[in-house]
Every structure is written in C-alpha cells, then in structure tokens.
Amino acid sequence: MSAISSLSSSFSSLTLKPPNPSSHGTPNTPLSFALHSSFIPLYKTPISKSSSSSSLFLPSSHSAPLPLITSSMEAGIGVMGTKLGMMSCFEESGTVVPVTVIGFREGNIVTQVKTEATDGYNAVQVGYRRVRDRKLTKPEMGHLEKSGIIPLRHLQEFRLQSVEGFEANQRLVFDELFKEGDLVDVSGTTIGKGFQGGIKRHNFKRGQMSHGSKSHRALGSIGAGTTPGRVYKGKKMPGRMGGTKRKIRKLKIIKIDNELRIVMVKGAVPGKPGNLLRITPAKIVGVNIPKN
C-alpha cells in the first residue's frame, strides 16, 4: 500500500506550468504547456501544437541516424563463382599441389553503382547466375529491369575506395581482373555438419576406454563451483558445427582456362561442390589497402 500511495502522490504533484520563453531563446514561437514531474524527462526544446506524437519529447534537432556500413573495404572489384571440386596439378618445377577448380556461370554483371552522394559509401553491386523470371520476386525483378539487366540469382556488393569506371550492365571478365600468380581471398559457406560433440567440433581429447573409466567422449567439467558460479562466455562446448561464412586468404591462382571458363586456385576453399564463392584480390595492408 505504501508503494501505491507514493505513486499516487507523484501523480498528484504533476502540475502544468507555462514555460519561460527566455529559457528557450525563441519567445515568438507558440508554445504549449510543459510537463513537470519527477519521472517525466523534460527537454529544453519546446513542444509546439503541430508536433506529431512520434516527435513528442524529442529535441527539434533530432533526426534518424544514417545506416551503419559494416561491410569491410575490398582491395579491388571481385567476382562470384561456383566450386566444382578439387584435383592435383603439377607446377613448372614438377611439384604436385592440390587445387580447387572454380567455374563461372552466366553473370558477374554490374547491377548497381553506389556512391557517397547517393548512398553514403562507394560500392559496386554485382549479380551472378542467370535464372528464370519466376524464380525472383517482383521487387528483385524491378531492381534489375531498371537497368535492363537479365534476371540474376545472387547479388553481392563490393565496397571500394573509388567506383570510377564502373557502370550498370557492365560485364566483369575474370582474366581481365586477375592473372596467374595473383593472390586472392575466397569466401563462402562451410559445409554444415549438424550438432557435434566436443571431440569433433573442437578437437578435444577423449578419456580412457578401460580401467574402469566412465568418461569416454563426455565433455567433463565446464567450470568451477562457488567461484565464479557460472560458465564463462565462449566456452568450447558441443553445438552446431559448420554452415558459417568463412574466408580463406591469400590463395595463389595456378591456372586460368578461358575455353573451359574455369580457374584453379591453390588449396581448399569453403563449401562443397556447387557452393557459391566470392573471389576478391587479397588484402595486403600498406600495399593495396590503407593501414588505417
């Protein structure tokens, strides 16, 4: 009852007072009554009668914040490809190296050029893999038809320092952007393996299988008791494995075959055959991207 009585007394103390025009600096502006209470915040900016309910109790200088650009800066324009599989390849020195074969479907067309004046940052949007019209939604079709571009399944942005020389409906050719011996960053979605235990997911060591041991593949202790009395965040435990975005950096281009429309890169890349890949120039700090 004491809490209810104190709350009712707070409401009863709420009074309507005409604001002091000298405190606002705009005496000629029509003002409404200001609310004074112990739990209602009062801003210095007066509230006019024409103020909407959405702008109530907000300063006049308040504006919606611009969207944050969280994508990282690329060292240069890139393309998208499809993983075909892995094989062995002989270098000129006779060394056998494992390579991943990446093929290219119809696409890699510039669908939109974003600038700081129009979108607040510089980026080039690229489309990949042609599909039938009914595979896309009407907003997606309208976005592509605005520039007269064929229906494309995948759209990705490449944020650049400068977008000069790029225009909509421009086709990107791999051998014009890269050459054999270049280093590239390849990103894609890893193979999903479902819910896995600690041994497979984090390479934990198993317990003894004999001598009366009852702990074989179990996780074991996950923390102390009274102190800290909880499990630390980030503790390696069983859970869902794979199916996440992963980037493999600085892979060397071994061979480019324009007739077969494939490229071979040294090493493994994320995903299984048929997976979508994103290929960009390798980032080298101080060489092709700034240090800051």
Protein backbone atom coordinates (compact mmCIF):
# COMPACT_ATOMS: atom_id res chain seq x y z
CA MET A 1 0.00 0.00 0.00
CA SER A 2 2.91 2.36 0.68
CA ALA A 3 4.15 1.97 -2.90
CA ILE A 4 0.68 2.72 -4.28
CA SER A 5 0.27 5.77 -2.07
CA SER A 6 3.69 7.14 -3.08
CA LEU A 7 2.86 6.62 -6.75
CA SER A 8 -0.48 8.41 -6.38
CA SER A 9 1.23 11.29 -4.60
CA SER A 10 3.69 11.57 -7.52
CA PHE A 11 0.80 11.84 -9.95
CA SER A 12 -0.92 14.41 -7.79
CA SER A 13 2.27 16.51 -7.78
CA LEU A 14 2.20 16.75 -11.58
CA THR A 15 1.38 20.35 -12.48
CA LEU A 16 1.03 22.33 -15.67
CA LYS A 17 3.20 25.43 -15.83
CA PRO A 18 3.68 27.84 -18.73
CA PRO A 19 7.30 27.61 -19.86
CA ASN A 20 9.66 30.52 -19.53
CA PRO A 21 10.21 31.91 -23.04
CA SER A 22 13.58 33.41 -22.09
CA SER A 23 14.99 29.96 -21.37
CA HIS A 24 14.28 28.78 -24.92
CA GLY A 25 15.60 31.74 -26.87
CA THR A 26 12.53 31.77 -29.16
CA PRO A 27 9.90 33.99 -27.45
CA ASN A 28 7.86 34.41 -30.63
CA THR A 29 7.29 30.69 -31.13
CA PRO A 30 3.86 29.43 -29.98
CA LEU A 31 4.42 27.15 -27.05
CA SER A 32 2.26 24.67 -25.25
CA PHE A 33 2.34 23.85 -21.55
CA ALA A 34 5.35 21.89 -20.38
CA LEU A 35 5.03 18.90 -18.10
CA HIS A 36 6.97 18.99 -14.85
CA SER A 37 7.25 15.77 -12.95
CA SER A 38 9.81 13.74 -11.08
CA PHE A 39 9.74 10.86 -13.61
CA ILE A 40 8.92 12.58 -16.97
CA PRO A 41 12.04 13.80 -18.81
CA LEU A 42 11.82 17.43 -19.91
CA TYR A 43 13.86 18.55 -22.91
CA LYS A 44 14.85 22.17 -23.35
CA THR A 45 13.32 22.30 -26.82
CA PRO A 46 9.70 23.50 -26.62
CA ILE A 47 6.88 21.32 -27.92
CA SER A 48 4.60 23.06 -30.40
CA LYS A 49 0.99 22.21 -31.04
CA SER A 50 1.85 20.96 -34.51
CA SER A 51 4.29 18.38 -33.15
CA SER A 52 3.37 14.81 -34.02
CA SER A 53 3.15 12.08 -31.44
CA SER A 54 6.30 10.42 -32.82
CA SER A 55 8.39 13.57 -32.18
CA LEU A 56 6.97 14.20 -28.68
CA PHE A 57 9.63 14.79 -26.00
CA LEU A 58 12.36 14.78 -28.69
CA PRO A 59 14.70 17.69 -29.48
CA SER A 60 13.96 19.60 -32.68
CA SER A 61 17.43 18.76 -33.97
CA HIS A 62 16.75 15.02 -33.65
CA SER A 63 16.93 13.13 -36.93
CA ALA A 64 17.00 9.48 -37.86
CA PRO A 65 20.58 8.14 -37.77
CA LEU A 66 22.14 7.09 -41.02
CA PRO A 67 22.54 3.32 -41.53
CA LEU A 68 25.89 1.98 -40.38
CA ILE A 69 28.07 0.45 -43.07
CA THR A 70 29.61 -2.65 -41.53
CA SER A 71 30.99 -4.28 -44.67
CA SER A 72 34.76 -4.27 -44.97
CA MET A 73 36.64 -2.40 -47.66
CA GLU A 74 37.83 -4.58 -50.52
CA ALA A 75 41.23 -4.23 -52.18
CA GLY A 76 39.52 -4.23 -55.59
CA ILE A 77 36.49 -5.40 -57.51
CA GLY A 78 35.86 -9.13 -57.39
CA VAL A 79 33.61 -11.74 -58.96
CA MET A 80 31.48 -14.70 -57.92
CA GLY A 81 32.00 -18.29 -58.98
CA THR A 82 30.87 -21.85 -58.35
CA LYS A 83 33.00 -24.50 -56.67
CA LEU A 84 33.40 -27.55 -58.93
CA GLY A 85 35.74 -29.74 -56.88
CA MET A 86 39.40 -30.46 -56.13
CA MET A 87 42.22 -32.13 -58.03
CA SER A 88 46.01 -32.28 -58.23
CA CYS A 89 48.06 -30.05 -60.51
CA PHE A 90 51.73 -30.05 -61.49
CA GLU A 91 53.70 -26.82 -61.26
CA GLU A 92 56.51 -25.99 -63.68
CA SER A 93 59.03 -27.24 -61.13
CA GLY A 94 57.27 -30.62 -61.03
CA THR A 95 55.74 -30.13 -57.60
CA VAL A 96 52.27 -31.58 -57.15
CA VAL A 97 49.91 -29.15 -55.47
CA PRO A 98 46.24 -29.56 -54.52
CA VAL A 99 44.00 -27.08 -56.33
CA THR A 100 40.32 -26.16 -56.21
CA VAL A 101 38.56 -25.79 -59.55
CA ILE A 102 36.14 -22.84 -59.71
CA GLY A 103 33.76 -22.42 -62.64
CA PHE A 104 31.71 -19.43 -63.77
CA ARG A 105 28.05 -19.43 -64.75
CA GLU A 106 26.42 -16.65 -66.73
CA GLY A 107 26.56 -13.44 -64.76
CA ASN A 108 29.10 -11.25 -62.94
CA ILE A 109 27.29 -8.19 -64.26
CA VAL A 110 27.31 -4.82 -62.50
CA THR A 111 23.72 -4.24 -61.37
CA GLN A 112 24.19 -1.01 -59.39
CA VAL A 113 26.89 1.55 -58.63
CA LYS A 114 26.61 3.20 -55.22
CA THR A 115 28.37 6.48 -54.43
CA GLU A 116 28.79 8.63 -51.36
CA ALA A 117 26.40 11.20 -52.83
CA THR A 118 23.53 8.73 -53.28
CA ASP A 119 24.10 6.02 -50.64
CA GLY A 120 26.76 7.38 -48.29
CA TYR A 121 29.52 4.98 -49.40
CA ASN A 122 31.20 3.71 -52.56
CA ALA A 123 30.31 0.19 -53.65
CA VAL A 124 29.61 -1.85 -56.77
CA GLN A 125 26.76 -4.37 -56.72
CA VAL A 126 27.36 -7.45 -58.88
CA GLY A 127 24.84 -10.09 -59.96
CA TYR A 128 25.61 -13.74 -60.71
CA ARG A 129 23.89 -16.85 -62.09
CA ARG A 130 21.04 -16.29 -64.51
CA VAL A 131 17.66 -17.77 -63.57
CA ARG A 132 14.10 -17.72 -64.89
CA ASP A 133 11.89 -14.74 -64.14
CA ARG A 134 9.56 -16.68 -61.85
CA LYS A 135 12.47 -17.54 -59.56
CA LEU A 136 12.72 -13.90 -58.41
CA THR A 137 10.30 -11.66 -56.57
CA LYS A 138 8.74 -8.59 -58.18
CA PRO A 139 10.96 -6.15 -56.21
CA GLU A 140 14.05 -8.05 -57.36
CA MET A 141 12.86 -8.05 -60.95
CA GLY A 142 12.07 -4.34 -60.78
CA HIS A 143 15.53 -3.59 -59.43
CA LEU A 144 17.20 -5.42 -62.34
CA GLU A 145 14.81 -4.21 -65.04
CA LYS A 146 15.55 -0.61 -64.08
CA SER A 147 18.97 -1.01 -65.76
CA GLY A 148 17.88 -3.57 -68.36
CA ILE A 149 19.70 -6.49 -66.73
CA ILE A 150 18.81 -10.17 -67.09
CA PRO A 151 17.36 -12.00 -64.03
CA LEU A 152 20.21 -12.95 -61.67
CA ARG A 153 20.00 -15.10 -58.57
CA HIS A 154 22.79 -13.71 -56.38
CA LEU A 155 23.52 -10.03 -55.68
CA GLN A 156 26.58 -9.01 -53.69
CA GLU A 157 28.31 -5.71 -53.01
CA PHE A 158 32.00 -4.94 -53.26
CA ARG A 159 32.83 -1.86 -51.23
CA LEU A 160 35.63 0.10 -52.90
CA GLN A 161 37.55 3.29 -52.31
CA SER A 162 36.56 4.57 -55.76
CA VAL A 163 33.87 3.45 -58.22
CA GLU A 164 35.12 5.37 -61.24
CA GLY A 165 34.94 3.40 -64.47
CA PHE A 166 32.02 1.21 -63.40
CA GLU A 167 28.53 1.46 -64.83
CA ALA A 168 25.36 -0.60 -64.73
CA ASN A 169 25.10 -3.60 -67.08
CA GLN A 170 28.88 -3.84 -67.32
CA ARG A 171 30.19 -7.40 -67.58
CA LEU A 172 33.18 -8.40 -65.44
CA VAL A 173 35.63 -10.86 -67.00
CA PHE A 174 37.89 -12.83 -64.66
CA ASP A 175 41.02 -12.85 -66.82
CA GLU A 176 40.81 -9.06 -67.17
CA LEU A 177 40.80 -8.59 -63.40
CA PHE A 178 43.26 -11.31 -62.37
CA LYS A 179 46.21 -13.16 -63.86
CA GLU A 180 48.06 -16.35 -63.00
CA GLY A 181 50.20 -15.98 -59.89
CA ASP A 182 47.95 -13.41 -58.20
CA LEU A 183 46.81 -13.86 -54.62
CA VAL A 184 43.06 -13.85 -53.94
CA ASP A 185 40.73 -14.11 -50.96
CA VAL A 186 37.96 -16.70 -51.39
CA SER A 187 34.96 -16.73 -49.08
CA GLY A 188 31.93 -18.99 -48.93
CA THR A 189 29.68 -21.00 -46.63
CA THR A 190 31.25 -24.02 -44.97
CA ILE A 191 29.68 -27.48 -45.07
CA GLY A 192 27.06 -27.90 -42.34
CA LYS A 193 27.74 -30.89 -40.08
CA GLY A 194 24.85 -30.56 -37.65
CA PHE A 195 25.13 -30.94 -33.88
CA GLN A 196 28.54 -32.34 -32.96
CA GLY A 197 30.36 -33.13 -29.73
CA GLY A 198 33.44 -31.51 -28.30
CA ILE A 199 35.87 -34.05 -29.79
CA LYS A 200 34.81 -33.46 -33.40
CA ARG A 201 33.96 -29.79 -33.04
CA HIS A 202 36.95 -28.58 -31.00
CA ASN A 203 39.44 -31.48 -31.29
CA PHE A 204 39.15 -32.40 -27.59
CA LYS A 205 40.94 -35.49 -26.25
CA ARG A 206 38.80 -38.43 -25.16
CA GLY A 207 39.09 -40.20 -21.84
CA GLN A 208 40.29 -43.73 -21.15
CA MET A 209 38.24 -46.55 -22.65
CA SER A 210 39.25 -49.12 -20.00
CA HIS A 211 40.43 -49.48 -16.37
CA GLY A 212 37.02 -48.57 -15.01
CA SER A 213 36.82 -45.18 -16.63
CA LYS A 214 33.29 -43.90 -17.11
CA SER A 215 34.27 -40.77 -19.03
CA HIS A 216 34.96 -41.57 -22.68
CA ARG A 217 33.72 -38.85 -25.04
CA ALA A 218 31.92 -36.70 -22.47
CA LEU A 219 32.86 -33.04 -22.15
CA GLY A 220 33.73 -33.19 -18.46
CA SER A 221 33.93 -30.21 -16.13
CA ILE A 222 32.91 -26.88 -17.65
CA GLY A 223 33.83 -24.56 -14.76
CA ALA A 224 34.31 -24.06 -11.05
CA GLY A 225 31.56 -24.22 -8.42
CA THR A 226 31.15 -21.33 -5.99
CA THR A 227 33.56 -19.02 -7.80
CA PRO A 228 32.65 -17.82 -10.36
CA GLY A 229 29.45 -19.88 -10.07
CA ARG A 230 28.73 -19.71 -13.77
CA VAL A 231 30.07 -20.80 -17.14
CA TYR A 232 32.28 -18.29 -18.92
CA LYS A 233 31.08 -16.94 -22.24
CA GLY A 234 32.79 -18.51 -25.23
CA LYS A 235 33.34 -21.86 -23.51
CA LYS A 236 34.02 -24.56 -26.08
CA MET A 237 31.14 -26.98 -25.84
CA PRO A 238 29.12 -29.28 -28.11
CA GLY A 239 26.88 -27.48 -30.58
CA ARG A 240 26.06 -26.88 -34.20
CA MET A 241 29.12 -27.19 -36.42
CA GLY A 242 29.65 -25.69 -39.87
CA GLY A 243 27.26 -23.78 -42.05
CA THR A 244 29.01 -20.45 -41.38
CA LYS A 245 30.72 -17.93 -43.61
CA ARG A 246 34.47 -18.44 -43.87
CA LYS A 247 37.18 -16.64 -45.81
CA ILE A 248 40.45 -18.26 -46.90
CA ARG A 249 43.05 -15.61 -47.54
CA LYS A 250 45.96 -15.29 -49.97
CA LEU A 251 45.34 -18.27 -52.23
CA LYS A 252 47.52 -18.37 -55.32
CA ILE A 253 45.95 -18.59 -58.79
CA ILE A 254 47.59 -21.57 -60.52
CA LYS A 255 45.82 -21.55 -63.90
CA ILE A 256 43.11 -19.66 -65.80
CA ASP A 257 41.37 -21.52 -68.64
CA ASN A 258 39.18 -19.23 -70.75
CA GLU A 259 37.98 -22.05 -73.01
CA LEU A 260 36.56 -24.09 -70.12
CA ARG A 261 35.71 -20.94 -68.14
CA ILE A 262 37.43 -22.22 -65.00
CA VAL A 263 40.18 -21.08 -62.68
CA MET A 264 42.39 -23.17 -60.39
CA VAL A 265 43.49 -21.83 -57.03
CA LYS A 266 45.98 -23.49 -54.72
CA GLY A 267 44.48 -25.07 -51.61
CA ALA A 268 40.97 -25.65 -50.33
CA VAL A 269 38.04 -23.25 -50.21
CA PRO A 270 34.87 -23.36 -48.06
CA GLY A 271 31.82 -25.40 -49.03
CA LYS A 272 31.00 -28.44 -51.12
CA PRO A 273 30.87 -28.69 -54.94
CA GLY A 274 28.20 -26.34 -56.27
CA ASN A 275 28.73 -23.82 -53.48
CA LEU A 276 28.72 -20.08 -54.23
CA LEU A 277 32.14 -18.44 -53.82
CA ARG A 278 33.24 -14.82 -53.63
CA ILE A 279 36.67 -14.07 -55.11
CA THR A 280 38.41 -10.77 -54.37
CA PRO A 281 42.01 -9.51 -54.56
CA ALA A 282 43.96 -10.45 -51.45
CA LYS A 283 44.19 -7.67 -48.89
CA ILE A 284 47.73 -6.63 -48.11
CA VAL A 285 47.88 -3.82 -45.58
CA GLY A 286 50.02 -0.94 -46.78
CA VAL A 287 50.05 -2.23 -50.37
CA ASN A 288 46.52 -2.25 -51.74
CA ILE A 289 44.55 -1.08 -48.67
CA PRO A 290 45.45 1.74 -46.24
CA LYS A 291 46.89 0.95 -42.82
CA ASN A 292 44.06 2.70 -41.01
